[in-house]
Amino acid sequence: MTGLYFEEFQVGQKITTVGRTIAESDIFAFAWLSGDYNQLHTDAEFSKGTPFGQRVAHGLLGLSVASGLIMRTGVLEGTVIGSCYPRHRNVEFLKFLRKINSEIPKGLDLHLILDNYGTHTHPNVKKWLTKRHRFHLHFIPTSSSWVNLVERWFAELTEKRVRRGVFKSVPDLIEAIEDFMRTYNENPKPFVWTKKVDQILEKVNECKAIVDTLH
């Protein structure tokens, strides 16, 4: 299925994804990955006394699964919005937010998944967001940027364009990146996880062991 651009969606349009059951193993795996072992998520006895009456999944876990399911439909494939800036301060981040705000039709909520870089929580950014209620920012746990599909797209850009090119100036590099985005959007392909959760966590454990050893 070819992806749709945001202006091609209709207000009220519904898209049905496949189902996905959040299992106990998913909750504990996410707790391990994020470090969030709050009793509401991990302690059955404690959770009985809460308004929920039982354990509930982490909000970011639900968001991650929902993001993955919508990506599997293909409707968002090819909808890359990008800009190149010489620096990554709150000034540049606000420029990019304004770009997103102008390119995506009014009336649609915008959920942005971000890392914990200080630029994203700068007072100027918070002030700008207070007047634009359709923006919803979600921050992923520290050291988990690799699970973000945006990072995988950057890897595609690096492997297929940047490393294969010779750029004599910054404008040349920017032109190559923008050209890659245009070409990618003409024939987008979905990213699909091929490893099981246990295999991914095993690899993460190996990496953490190496880091701990180096420290």
N, C-alpha and C. Protein backbone atom coordinates (compact mmCIF):
# COMPACT_ATOMS: atom_id res chain seq x y z
N MET A 1 0.85 -1.20 0.00
CA MET A 1 0.00 0.00 0.00
C MET A 1 0.88 1.25 0.00
N THR A 2 0.59 2.19 -0.88
CA THR A 2 1.33 3.43 -0.94
C THR A 2 0.90 4.36 0.18
N GLY A 3 1.84 4.99 0.82
CA GLY A 3 1.52 5.87 1.93
C GLY A 3 0.77 7.12 1.50
N LEU A 4 0.04 7.68 2.45
CA LEU A 4 -0.71 8.91 2.21
C LEU A 4 0.02 10.08 2.85
N TYR A 5 -0.02 11.24 2.21
CA TYR A 5 0.48 12.45 2.83
C TYR A 5 -0.63 12.99 3.74
N PHE A 6 -0.25 13.82 4.71
CA PHE A 6 -1.21 14.26 5.71
C PHE A 6 -2.39 15.00 5.09
N GLU A 7 -2.13 15.75 4.02
CA GLU A 7 -3.23 16.49 3.41
C GLU A 7 -4.22 15.58 2.69
N GLU A 8 -3.85 14.30 2.50
CA GLU A 8 -4.73 13.35 1.82
C GLU A 8 -5.68 12.64 2.77
N PHE A 9 -5.43 12.75 4.07
CA PHE A 9 -6.34 12.16 5.04
C PHE A 9 -7.59 13.03 5.17
N GLN A 10 -8.70 12.38 5.48
CA GLN A 10 -9.96 13.10 5.67
C GLN A 10 -10.30 13.17 7.15
N VAL A 11 -10.86 14.29 7.59
CA VAL A 11 -11.27 14.44 8.99
C VAL A 11 -12.34 13.39 9.29
N GLY A 12 -12.15 12.63 10.35
CA GLY A 12 -13.09 11.59 10.72
C GLY A 12 -12.79 10.24 10.09
N GLN A 13 -11.79 10.20 9.23
CA GLN A 13 -11.43 8.95 8.57
C GLN A 13 -10.92 7.94 9.59
N LYS A 14 -11.35 6.68 9.44
CA LYS A 14 -10.94 5.63 10.37
C LYS A 14 -10.12 4.58 9.63
N ILE A 15 -9.06 4.14 10.27
CA ILE A 15 -8.19 3.12 9.70
C ILE A 15 -8.06 2.00 10.72
N THR A 16 -8.35 0.78 10.32
CA THR A 16 -8.32 -0.36 11.23
C THR A 16 -7.02 -1.13 11.06
N THR A 17 -6.33 -1.35 12.16
CA THR A 17 -5.08 -2.11 12.14
C THR A 17 -5.35 -3.54 12.61
N VAL A 18 -4.36 -4.37 12.56
CA VAL A 18 -4.47 -5.71 13.13
C VAL A 18 -4.46 -5.57 14.65
N GLY A 19 -4.87 -6.60 15.35
CA GLY A 19 -4.90 -6.56 16.81
C GLY A 19 -3.57 -6.96 17.41
N ARG A 20 -3.37 -6.61 18.66
CA ARG A 20 -2.13 -6.98 19.37
C ARG A 20 -2.43 -7.04 20.86
N THR A 21 -2.26 -8.20 21.46
CA THR A 21 -2.49 -8.36 22.89
C THR A 21 -1.20 -8.05 23.66
N ILE A 22 -1.30 -7.17 24.65
CA ILE A 22 -0.16 -6.85 25.50
C ILE A 22 -0.06 -7.93 26.57
N ALA A 23 0.96 -8.76 26.49
CA ALA A 23 1.13 -9.86 27.44
C ALA A 23 1.96 -9.43 28.64
N GLU A 24 1.93 -10.26 29.67
CA GLU A 24 2.71 -9.96 30.87
C GLU A 24 4.19 -9.84 30.54
N SER A 25 4.67 -10.67 29.61
CA SER A 25 6.08 -10.62 29.23
C SER A 25 6.42 -9.27 28.59
N ASP A 26 5.47 -8.69 27.85
CA ASP A 26 5.70 -7.38 27.24
C ASP A 26 5.87 -6.31 28.30
N ILE A 27 5.01 -6.36 29.33
CA ILE A 27 5.05 -5.35 30.39
C ILE A 27 6.37 -5.42 31.15
N PHE A 28 6.81 -6.63 31.50
CA PHE A 28 8.05 -6.76 32.25
C PHE A 28 9.27 -6.45 31.38
N ALA A 29 9.17 -6.79 30.09
CA ALA A 29 10.28 -6.46 29.19
C ALA A 29 10.43 -4.95 29.07
N PHE A 30 9.30 -4.24 28.98
CA PHE A 30 9.35 -2.78 28.86
C PHE A 30 9.81 -2.16 30.17
N ALA A 31 9.38 -2.74 31.29
CA ALA A 31 9.83 -2.25 32.59
C ALA A 31 11.35 -2.37 32.70
N TRP A 32 11.88 -3.50 32.22
CA TRP A 32 13.33 -3.71 32.26
C TRP A 32 14.03 -2.71 31.35
N LEU A 33 13.49 -2.51 30.16
CA LEU A 33 14.13 -1.63 29.18
C LEU A 33 14.11 -0.18 29.65
N SER A 34 12.97 0.26 30.19
CA SER A 34 12.81 1.67 30.57
C SER A 34 13.25 1.96 32.00
N GLY A 35 13.31 0.92 32.84
CA GLY A 35 13.64 1.12 34.24
C GLY A 35 12.44 1.54 35.08
N ASP A 36 11.25 1.51 34.47
CA ASP A 36 10.02 1.91 35.17
C ASP A 36 9.35 0.67 35.77
N TYR A 37 9.67 0.40 37.04
CA TYR A 37 9.09 -0.76 37.73
C TYR A 37 7.98 -0.33 38.68
N ASN A 38 7.29 0.73 38.36
CA ASN A 38 6.20 1.21 39.20
C ASN A 38 5.25 0.06 39.53
N GLN A 39 4.81 0.01 40.78
CA GLN A 39 3.95 -1.09 41.24
C GLN A 39 2.66 -1.20 40.43
N LEU A 40 2.20 -0.09 39.90
CA LEU A 40 0.97 -0.10 39.12
C LEU A 40 1.10 -1.01 37.89
N HIS A 41 2.33 -1.18 37.44
CA HIS A 41 2.58 -2.01 36.26
C HIS A 41 3.04 -3.42 36.62
N THR A 42 3.70 -3.58 37.75
CA THR A 42 4.39 -4.85 38.03
C THR A 42 3.89 -5.62 39.25
N ASP A 43 3.10 -5.00 40.10
CA ASP A 43 2.68 -5.65 41.35
C ASP A 43 1.17 -5.90 41.32
N ALA A 44 0.78 -7.17 41.15
CA ALA A 44 -0.62 -7.53 41.04
C ALA A 44 -1.41 -7.21 42.31
N GLU A 45 -0.82 -7.52 43.48
CA GLU A 45 -1.51 -7.28 44.75
C GLU A 45 -1.73 -5.80 44.98
N PHE A 46 -0.70 -5.01 44.75
CA PHE A 46 -0.82 -3.56 44.92
C PHE A 46 -1.90 -2.99 43.98
N SER A 47 -1.91 -3.47 42.76
CA SER A 47 -2.82 -2.91 41.74
C SER A 47 -4.29 -3.21 42.03
N LYS A 48 -4.56 -4.24 42.83
CA LYS A 48 -5.95 -4.56 43.19
C LYS A 48 -6.61 -3.42 43.95
N GLY A 49 -5.80 -2.64 44.67
CA GLY A 49 -6.34 -1.54 45.46
C GLY A 49 -6.41 -0.22 44.73
N THR A 50 -6.10 -0.23 43.45
CA THR A 50 -6.14 0.99 42.64
C THR A 50 -7.48 1.08 41.90
N PRO A 51 -7.82 2.24 41.35
CA PRO A 51 -9.07 2.37 40.58
C PRO A 51 -9.16 1.40 39.41
N PHE A 52 -8.00 0.92 38.92
CA PHE A 52 -8.01 0.00 37.78
C PHE A 52 -8.36 -1.42 38.21
N GLY A 53 -8.00 -1.77 39.45
CA GLY A 53 -8.31 -3.10 39.95
C GLY A 53 -7.33 -4.17 39.48
N GLN A 54 -6.42 -3.82 38.63
CA GLN A 54 -5.43 -4.77 38.14
C GLN A 54 -4.24 -4.00 37.55
N ARG A 55 -3.19 -4.72 37.22
CA ARG A 55 -2.04 -4.07 36.63
C ARG A 55 -2.38 -3.48 35.26
N VAL A 56 -1.73 -2.38 34.92
CA VAL A 56 -1.95 -1.76 33.62
C VAL A 56 -0.60 -1.60 32.92
N ALA A 57 -0.63 -1.61 31.61
CA ALA A 57 0.60 -1.46 30.83
C ALA A 57 1.09 -0.02 30.89
N HIS A 58 2.37 0.17 30.70
CA HIS A 58 2.95 1.51 30.64
C HIS A 58 2.31 2.28 29.48
N GLY A 59 2.09 3.56 29.69
CA GLY A 59 1.51 4.38 28.63
C GLY A 59 2.37 4.40 27.38
N LEU A 60 3.70 4.52 27.56
CA LEU A 60 4.61 4.56 26.42
C LEU A 60 4.68 3.21 25.70
N LEU A 61 4.45 2.12 26.43
CA LEU A 61 4.39 0.81 25.78
C LEU A 61 3.19 0.75 24.85
N GLY A 62 2.04 1.21 25.34
CA GLY A 62 0.85 1.24 24.50
C GLY A 62 1.04 2.11 23.28
N LEU A 63 1.68 3.27 23.49
CA LEU A 63 1.93 4.19 22.38
C LEU A 63 2.86 3.55 21.35
N SER A 64 3.89 2.85 21.82
CA SER A 64 4.83 2.21 20.91
C SER A 64 4.15 1.14 20.07
N VAL A 65 3.31 0.34 20.72
CA VAL A 65 2.58 -0.71 20.00
C VAL A 65 1.62 -0.10 18.98
N ALA A 66 0.91 0.95 19.41
CA ALA A 66 -0.03 1.62 18.50
C ALA A 66 0.70 2.20 17.29
N SER A 67 1.88 2.78 17.55
CA SER A 67 2.69 3.34 16.46
C SER A 67 3.11 2.25 15.49
N GLY A 68 3.53 1.10 16.05
CA GLY A 68 3.95 -0.01 15.20
C GLY A 68 2.81 -0.56 14.36
N LEU A 69 1.62 -0.67 14.96
CA LEU A 69 0.47 -1.22 14.25
C LEU A 69 0.03 -0.31 13.10
N ILE A 70 0.03 1.00 13.33
CA ILE A 70 -0.37 1.92 12.27
C ILE A 70 0.67 1.90 11.15
N MET A 71 1.95 1.72 11.51
CA MET A 71 2.98 1.65 10.48
C MET A 71 2.80 0.42 9.60
N ARG A 72 2.31 -0.66 10.19
CA ARG A 72 2.12 -1.90 9.43
C ARG A 72 1.01 -1.77 8.39
N THR A 73 0.12 -0.82 8.55
CA THR A 73 -0.94 -0.62 7.55
C THR A 73 -0.39 0.01 6.29
N GLY A 74 0.73 0.71 6.41
CA GLY A 74 1.33 1.35 5.25
C GLY A 74 0.81 2.74 4.96
N VAL A 75 -0.20 3.21 5.71
CA VAL A 75 -0.81 4.51 5.37
C VAL A 75 0.11 5.69 5.67
N LEU A 76 1.10 5.48 6.53
CA LEU A 76 2.01 6.57 6.85
C LEU A 76 3.33 6.47 6.11
N GLU A 77 3.50 5.42 5.32
CA GLU A 77 4.76 5.25 4.61
C GLU A 77 4.95 6.38 3.60
N GLY A 78 6.11 6.96 3.63
CA GLY A 78 6.42 8.02 2.67
C GLY A 78 6.10 9.42 3.15
N THR A 79 5.56 9.54 4.35
CA THR A 79 5.19 10.86 4.84
C THR A 79 6.33 11.45 5.67
N VAL A 80 7.48 11.57 5.07
CA VAL A 80 8.65 12.12 5.76
C VAL A 80 8.68 13.63 5.62
N ILE A 81 8.75 14.32 6.76
CA ILE A 81 8.91 15.77 6.77
C ILE A 81 10.28 16.04 7.37
N GLY A 82 11.13 16.72 6.63
CA GLY A 82 12.49 16.92 7.12
C GLY A 82 13.03 18.30 6.81
N SER A 83 13.97 18.74 7.62
CA SER A 83 14.67 20.01 7.41
C SER A 83 16.09 19.87 7.91
N CYS A 84 17.00 20.58 7.28
CA CYS A 84 18.41 20.56 7.70
C CYS A 84 18.78 21.91 8.31
N TYR A 85 19.35 21.87 9.51
CA TYR A 85 19.77 23.10 10.18
C TYR A 85 21.23 22.96 10.61
N PRO A 86 21.96 24.06 10.67
CA PRO A 86 23.37 24.00 11.06
C PRO A 86 23.57 23.66 12.54
N ARG A 87 22.55 23.94 13.36
CA ARG A 87 22.66 23.67 14.80
C ARG A 87 21.35 23.06 15.29
N HIS A 88 21.39 22.51 16.52
CA HIS A 88 20.20 21.89 17.08
C HIS A 88 19.87 22.53 18.43
N ARG A 89 19.47 23.79 18.36
CA ARG A 89 19.07 24.53 19.55
C ARG A 89 17.56 24.65 19.57
N ASN A 90 17.04 25.29 20.60
CA ASN A 90 15.59 25.46 20.68
C ASN A 90 15.07 26.32 19.52
N VAL A 91 15.91 27.20 19.01
CA VAL A 91 15.50 28.05 17.89
C VAL A 91 15.21 27.20 16.66
N GLU A 92 16.14 26.27 16.35
CA GLU A 92 15.95 25.40 15.19
C GLU A 92 14.80 24.42 15.41
N PHE A 93 14.68 23.93 16.63
CA PHE A 93 13.59 22.99 16.92
C PHE A 93 12.23 23.67 16.74
N LEU A 94 12.13 24.91 17.17
CA LEU A 94 10.88 25.65 16.99
C LEU A 94 10.58 25.88 15.51
N LYS A 95 11.62 26.11 14.71
CA LYS A 95 11.41 26.26 13.26
C LYS A 95 10.80 24.98 12.68
N PHE A 96 11.32 23.84 13.15
CA PHE A 96 10.82 22.57 12.65
C PHE A 96 9.39 22.32 13.12
N LEU A 97 9.09 22.68 14.37
CA LEU A 97 7.72 22.54 14.87
C LEU A 97 6.75 23.40 14.06
N ARG A 98 7.19 24.59 13.72
CA ARG A 98 6.33 25.48 12.90
C ARG A 98 6.12 24.88 11.51
N LYS A 99 7.15 24.24 10.99
CA LYS A 99 7.04 23.60 9.68
C LYS A 99 6.00 22.47 9.73
N ILE A 100 6.09 21.64 10.78
CA ILE A 100 5.12 20.56 10.95
C ILE A 100 3.72 21.13 11.10
N ASN A 101 3.61 22.17 11.90
CA ASN A 101 2.30 22.79 12.16
C ASN A 101 1.67 23.34 10.89
N SER A 102 2.49 23.87 10.00
CA SER A 102 1.98 24.47 8.77
C SER A 102 1.65 23.44 7.70
N GLU A 103 2.37 22.30 7.70
CA GLU A 103 2.19 21.31 6.64
C GLU A 103 1.10 20.28 6.93
N ILE A 104 0.76 20.12 8.21
CA ILE A 104 -0.25 19.13 8.57
C ILE A 104 -1.58 19.85 8.80
N PRO A 105 -2.66 19.35 8.16
CA PRO A 105 -3.96 20.02 8.23
C PRO A 105 -4.41 20.32 9.65
N LYS A 106 -5.05 21.46 9.82
CA LYS A 106 -5.61 21.83 11.12
C LYS A 106 -6.68 20.82 11.51
N GLY A 107 -6.85 20.62 12.80
CA GLY A 107 -7.87 19.68 13.28
C GLY A 107 -7.31 18.31 13.61
N LEU A 108 -6.07 18.04 13.17
CA LEU A 108 -5.44 16.77 13.48
C LEU A 108 -4.50 16.93 14.67
N ASP A 109 -4.57 16.01 15.63
CA ASP A 109 -3.63 16.03 16.75
C ASP A 109 -2.28 15.51 16.27
N LEU A 110 -1.22 16.03 16.86
CA LEU A 110 0.14 15.65 16.47
C LEU A 110 0.85 15.03 17.67
N HIS A 111 1.24 13.78 17.55
CA HIS A 111 1.97 13.09 18.61
C HIS A 111 3.42 12.95 18.18
N LEU A 112 4.31 13.63 18.90
CA LEU A 112 5.74 13.63 18.58
C LEU A 112 6.49 12.76 19.57
N ILE A 113 7.23 11.78 19.05
CA ILE A 113 8.04 10.91 19.89
C ILE A 113 9.48 11.44 19.87
N LEU A 114 9.99 11.83 21.02
CA LEU A 114 11.28 12.51 21.10
C LEU A 114 12.21 11.84 22.11
N ASP A 115 13.50 12.13 21.95
CA ASP A 115 14.43 11.70 22.99
C ASP A 115 14.49 12.79 24.06
N ASN A 116 15.34 12.60 25.07
CA ASN A 116 15.37 13.50 26.22
C ASN A 116 16.36 14.65 26.08
N TYR A 117 16.73 14.97 24.85
CA TYR A 117 17.67 16.07 24.63
C TYR A 117 17.07 17.38 25.16
N GLY A 118 17.91 18.17 25.84
CA GLY A 118 17.44 19.37 26.51
C GLY A 118 16.74 20.37 25.61
N THR A 119 17.11 20.40 24.33
CA THR A 119 16.49 21.32 23.38
C THR A 119 14.98 21.12 23.32
N HIS A 120 14.54 19.87 23.45
CA HIS A 120 13.12 19.56 23.30
C HIS A 120 12.27 20.03 24.47
N THR A 121 12.91 20.35 25.59
CA THR A 121 12.16 20.80 26.77
C THR A 121 12.56 22.22 27.18
N HIS A 122 13.15 22.96 26.26
CA HIS A 122 13.57 24.33 26.55
C HIS A 122 12.34 25.18 26.89
N PRO A 123 12.48 26.16 27.80
CA PRO A 123 11.34 27.03 28.17
C PRO A 123 10.67 27.68 26.96
N ASN A 124 11.43 28.08 25.96
CA ASN A 124 10.83 28.70 24.77
C ASN A 124 9.93 27.71 24.02
N VAL A 125 10.36 26.45 24.01
CA VAL A 125 9.56 25.40 23.35
C VAL A 125 8.28 25.16 24.14
N LYS A 126 8.41 25.07 25.47
CA LYS A 126 7.23 24.86 26.31
C LYS A 126 6.24 26.01 26.16
N LYS A 127 6.75 27.21 26.10
CA LYS A 127 5.88 28.38 25.94
C LYS A 127 5.12 28.33 24.62
N TRP A 128 5.82 27.95 23.55
CA TRP A 128 5.19 27.86 22.23
C TRP A 128 4.11 26.78 22.21
N LEU A 129 4.37 25.67 22.88
CA LEU A 129 3.45 24.55 22.89
C LEU A 129 2.18 24.82 23.71
N THR A 130 2.27 25.70 24.71
CA THR A 130 1.10 25.98 25.55
C THR A 130 -0.05 26.59 24.75
N LYS A 131 0.27 27.20 23.61
CA LYS A 131 -0.76 27.82 22.78
C LYS A 131 -1.17 26.93 21.60
N ARG A 132 -0.58 25.76 21.53
CA ARG A 132 -0.88 24.85 20.41
C ARG A 132 -1.18 23.47 21.00
N HIS A 133 -2.43 23.30 21.35
CA HIS A 133 -2.85 22.14 22.12
C HIS A 133 -2.90 20.84 21.31
N ARG A 134 -2.76 20.93 20.00
CA ARG A 134 -2.80 19.68 19.24
C ARG A 134 -1.46 18.94 19.27
N PHE A 135 -0.42 19.59 19.80
CA PHE A 135 0.89 18.95 19.93
C PHE A 135 0.95 18.15 21.23
N HIS A 136 1.33 16.89 21.12
CA HIS A 136 1.49 16.02 22.29
C HIS A 136 2.88 15.40 22.20
N LEU A 137 3.73 15.71 23.17
CA LEU A 137 5.11 15.22 23.15
C LEU A 137 5.26 14.00 24.04
N HIS A 138 5.90 12.97 23.52
CA HIS A 138 6.15 11.73 24.25
C HIS A 138 7.65 11.47 24.24
N PHE A 139 8.24 11.35 25.41
CA PHE A 139 9.69 11.17 25.52
C PHE A 139 10.03 9.71 25.81
N ILE A 140 10.87 9.14 24.97
CA ILE A 140 11.25 7.74 25.14
C ILE A 140 12.27 7.62 26.26
N PRO A 141 12.39 6.44 26.87
CA PRO A 141 13.36 6.25 27.97
C PRO A 141 14.79 6.51 27.49
N THR A 142 15.65 6.90 28.41
CA THR A 142 17.05 7.14 28.08
C THR A 142 17.69 5.88 27.49
N SER A 143 18.54 6.09 26.49
CA SER A 143 19.30 5.02 25.83
C SER A 143 18.43 4.05 25.03
N SER A 144 17.24 4.49 24.63
CA SER A 144 16.39 3.59 23.84
C SER A 144 16.04 4.18 22.48
N SER A 145 16.83 5.15 22.02
CA SER A 145 16.54 5.76 20.72
C SER A 145 16.58 4.75 19.59
N TRP A 146 17.32 3.67 19.80
CA TRP A 146 17.46 2.67 18.73
C TRP A 146 16.13 1.98 18.41
N VAL A 147 15.14 2.03 19.32
CA VAL A 147 13.85 1.38 19.03
C VAL A 147 12.95 2.29 18.20
N ASN A 148 13.35 3.51 17.99
CA ASN A 148 12.54 4.48 17.26
C ASN A 148 12.74 4.26 15.76
N LEU A 149 11.63 4.09 15.02
CA LEU A 149 11.74 3.85 13.58
C LEU A 149 12.35 5.03 12.83
N VAL A 150 12.28 6.21 13.41
CA VAL A 150 12.91 7.36 12.78
C VAL A 150 14.43 7.14 12.71
N GLU A 151 14.99 6.55 13.77
CA GLU A 151 16.42 6.26 13.78
C GLU A 151 16.76 5.26 12.67
N ARG A 152 15.86 4.32 12.43
CA ARG A 152 16.11 3.35 11.35
C ARG A 152 16.11 4.05 9.99
N TRP A 153 15.26 5.06 9.84
CA TRP A 153 15.23 5.81 8.58
C TRP A 153 16.54 6.58 8.40
N PHE A 154 17.06 7.13 9.49
CA PHE A 154 18.34 7.83 9.42
C PHE A 154 19.46 6.88 8.99
N ALA A 155 19.36 5.62 9.45
CA ALA A 155 20.36 4.62 9.04
C ALA A 155 20.29 4.38 7.54
N GLU A 156 19.06 4.36 6.99
CA GLU A 156 18.90 4.21 5.55
C GLU A 156 19.57 5.38 4.82
N LEU A 157 19.32 6.57 5.31
CA LEU A 157 19.91 7.76 4.71
C LEU A 157 21.44 7.68 4.74
N THR A 158 21.97 7.28 5.88
CA THR A 158 23.43 7.21 6.03
C THR A 158 24.04 6.16 5.11
N GLU A 159 23.44 4.97 5.11
CA GLU A 159 24.01 3.86 4.36
C GLU A 159 23.87 4.03 2.85
N LYS A 160 22.72 4.53 2.41
CA LYS A 160 22.44 4.55 0.98
C LYS A 160 22.78 5.86 0.28
N ARG A 161 23.01 6.92 1.05
CA ARG A 161 23.30 8.18 0.38
C ARG A 161 24.56 8.88 0.93
N VAL A 162 24.60 9.08 2.23
CA VAL A 162 25.69 9.88 2.79
C VAL A 162 27.04 9.19 2.63
N ARG A 163 27.14 7.91 3.02
CA ARG A 163 28.42 7.20 2.94
C ARG A 163 28.86 6.95 1.51
N ARG A 164 27.93 6.97 0.59
CA ARG A 164 28.27 6.68 -0.80
C ARG A 164 28.58 7.95 -1.60
N GLY A 165 28.45 9.08 -0.97
CA GLY A 165 28.63 10.33 -1.68
C GLY A 165 29.91 11.05 -1.32
N VAL A 166 30.26 12.01 -2.15
CA VAL A 166 31.39 12.92 -1.90
C VAL A 166 30.83 14.33 -1.93
N PHE A 167 30.96 15.04 -0.83
CA PHE A 167 30.34 16.36 -0.71
C PHE A 167 31.42 17.41 -0.43
N LYS A 168 31.51 18.36 -1.29
CA LYS A 168 32.54 19.39 -1.19
C LYS A 168 32.11 20.57 -0.33
N SER A 169 30.83 20.59 0.04
CA SER A 169 30.34 21.69 0.87
C SER A 169 29.10 21.23 1.62
N VAL A 170 28.72 21.98 2.66
CA VAL A 170 27.51 21.67 3.42
C VAL A 170 26.27 21.76 2.53
N PRO A 171 26.14 22.79 1.67
CA PRO A 171 24.98 22.84 0.77
C PRO A 171 24.85 21.60 -0.11
N ASP A 172 26.00 21.05 -0.54
CA ASP A 172 25.97 19.83 -1.34
C ASP A 172 25.38 18.67 -0.54
N LEU A 173 25.77 18.56 0.74
CA LEU A 173 25.27 17.50 1.61
C LEU A 173 23.77 17.67 1.84
N ILE A 174 23.33 18.90 2.10
CA ILE A 174 21.91 19.17 2.32
C ILE A 174 21.10 18.81 1.08
N GLU A 175 21.61 19.18 -0.08
CA GLU A 175 20.92 18.86 -1.33
C GLU A 175 20.76 17.35 -1.50
N ALA A 176 21.80 16.60 -1.14
CA ALA A 176 21.76 15.14 -1.24
C ALA A 176 20.72 14.55 -0.29
N ILE A 177 20.65 15.08 0.93
CA ILE A 177 19.68 14.60 1.91
C ILE A 177 18.25 14.88 1.44
N GLU A 178 18.01 16.09 0.94
CA GLU A 178 16.67 16.44 0.47
C GLU A 178 16.29 15.62 -0.75
N ASP A 179 17.26 15.34 -1.62
CA ASP A 179 17.00 14.51 -2.78
C ASP A 179 16.65 13.09 -2.36
N PHE A 180 17.34 12.59 -1.32
CA PHE A 180 17.04 11.25 -0.81
C PHE A 180 15.61 11.18 -0.28
N MET A 181 15.18 12.22 0.44
CA MET A 181 13.82 12.24 0.97
C MET A 181 12.79 12.19 -0.16
N ARG A 182 13.02 12.99 -1.20
CA ARG A 182 12.08 13.00 -2.33
C ARG A 182 12.02 11.63 -3.01
N THR A 183 13.18 11.02 -3.21
CA THR A 183 13.23 9.71 -3.86
C THR A 183 12.59 8.64 -2.98
N TYR A 184 12.86 8.71 -1.69
CA TYR A 184 12.30 7.73 -0.75
C TYR A 184 10.78 7.79 -0.75
N ASN A 185 10.24 8.98 -0.79
CA ASN A 185 8.79 9.15 -0.73
C ASN A 185 8.09 8.63 -1.99
N GLU A 186 8.83 8.49 -3.08
CA GLU A 186 8.23 7.99 -4.32
C GLU A 186 8.01 6.49 -4.26
N ASN A 187 8.81 5.78 -3.48
CA ASN A 187 8.68 4.32 -3.38
C ASN A 187 8.98 3.88 -1.95
N PRO A 188 8.14 4.27 -1.00
CA PRO A 188 8.40 3.97 0.41
C PRO A 188 8.22 2.50 0.73
N LYS A 189 8.99 2.02 1.69
CA LYS A 189 8.87 0.63 2.13
C LYS A 189 8.82 0.61 3.66
N PRO A 190 7.93 -0.21 4.21
CA PRO A 190 7.77 -0.25 5.68
C PRO A 190 8.94 -0.92 6.37
N PHE A 191 9.22 -0.50 7.60
CA PHE A 191 10.21 -1.14 8.44
C PHE A 191 9.49 -2.18 9.30
N VAL A 192 9.97 -3.39 9.31
CA VAL A 192 9.33 -4.47 10.06
C VAL A 192 10.35 -5.13 10.97
N TRP A 193 10.02 -5.24 12.26
CA TRP A 193 10.92 -5.92 13.19
C TRP A 193 11.00 -7.39 12.81
N THR A 194 12.21 -7.93 12.67
CA THR A 194 12.40 -9.34 12.33
C THR A 194 12.88 -10.17 13.51
N LYS A 195 13.28 -9.52 14.57
CA LYS A 195 13.76 -10.21 15.76
C LYS A 195 12.65 -10.29 16.81
N LYS A 196 12.66 -11.36 17.58
CA LYS A 196 11.72 -11.49 18.68
C LYS A 196 12.22 -10.68 19.87
N VAL A 197 11.29 -10.39 20.80
CA VAL A 197 11.63 -9.56 21.96
C VAL A 197 12.81 -10.14 22.73
N ASP A 198 12.80 -11.45 22.96
CA ASP A 198 13.88 -12.08 23.73
C ASP A 198 15.23 -11.90 23.05
N GLN A 199 15.25 -11.97 21.71
CA GLN A 199 16.51 -11.80 20.98
C GLN A 199 17.03 -10.37 21.10
N ILE A 200 16.11 -9.42 21.03
CA ILE A 200 16.49 -8.01 21.14
C ILE A 200 17.04 -7.72 22.54
N LEU A 201 16.34 -8.20 23.57
CA LEU A 201 16.78 -7.95 24.94
C LEU A 201 18.11 -8.63 25.23
N GLU A 202 18.35 -9.79 24.62
CA GLU A 202 19.63 -10.47 24.80
C GLU A 202 20.76 -9.62 24.23
N LYS A 203 20.52 -9.03 23.08
CA LYS A 203 21.53 -8.16 22.47
C LYS A 203 21.76 -6.91 23.31
N VAL A 204 20.68 -6.36 23.87
CA VAL A 204 20.81 -5.19 24.74
C VAL A 204 21.64 -5.53 25.97
N ASN A 205 21.41 -6.70 26.54
CA ASN A 205 22.18 -7.14 27.71
C ASN A 205 23.67 -7.22 27.38
N GLU A 206 23.98 -7.73 26.19
CA GLU A 206 25.37 -7.83 25.78
C GLU A 206 26.01 -6.44 25.68
N CYS A 207 25.26 -5.50 25.09
CA CYS A 207 25.79 -4.13 24.95
C CYS A 207 25.99 -3.48 26.31
N LYS A 208 25.01 -3.68 27.22
CA LYS A 208 25.13 -3.10 28.55
C LYS A 208 26.33 -3.68 29.30
N ALA A 209 26.57 -4.97 29.10
CA ALA A 209 27.70 -5.62 29.77
C ALA A 209 29.01 -5.03 29.29
N ILE A 210 29.08 -4.72 27.99
CA ILE A 210 30.29 -4.11 27.43
C ILE A 210 30.51 -2.72 28.01
N VAL A 211 29.43 -1.93 28.08
CA VAL A 211 29.51 -0.58 28.63
C VAL A 211 29.94 -0.62 30.08
N ASP A 212 29.34 -1.52 30.87
CA ASP A 212 29.68 -1.63 32.29
C ASP A 212 31.16 -2.02 32.46
N THR A 213 31.63 -2.90 31.57
CA THR A 213 33.03 -3.32 31.65
C THR A 213 33.98 -2.16 31.36
N LEU A 214 33.62 -1.36 30.36
CA LEU A 214 34.44 -0.21 30.01
C LEU A 214 34.50 0.82 31.13
N HIS A 215 33.39 0.95 31.88
CA HIS A 215 33.35 1.90 32.98
C HIS A 215 34.22 1.40 34.14
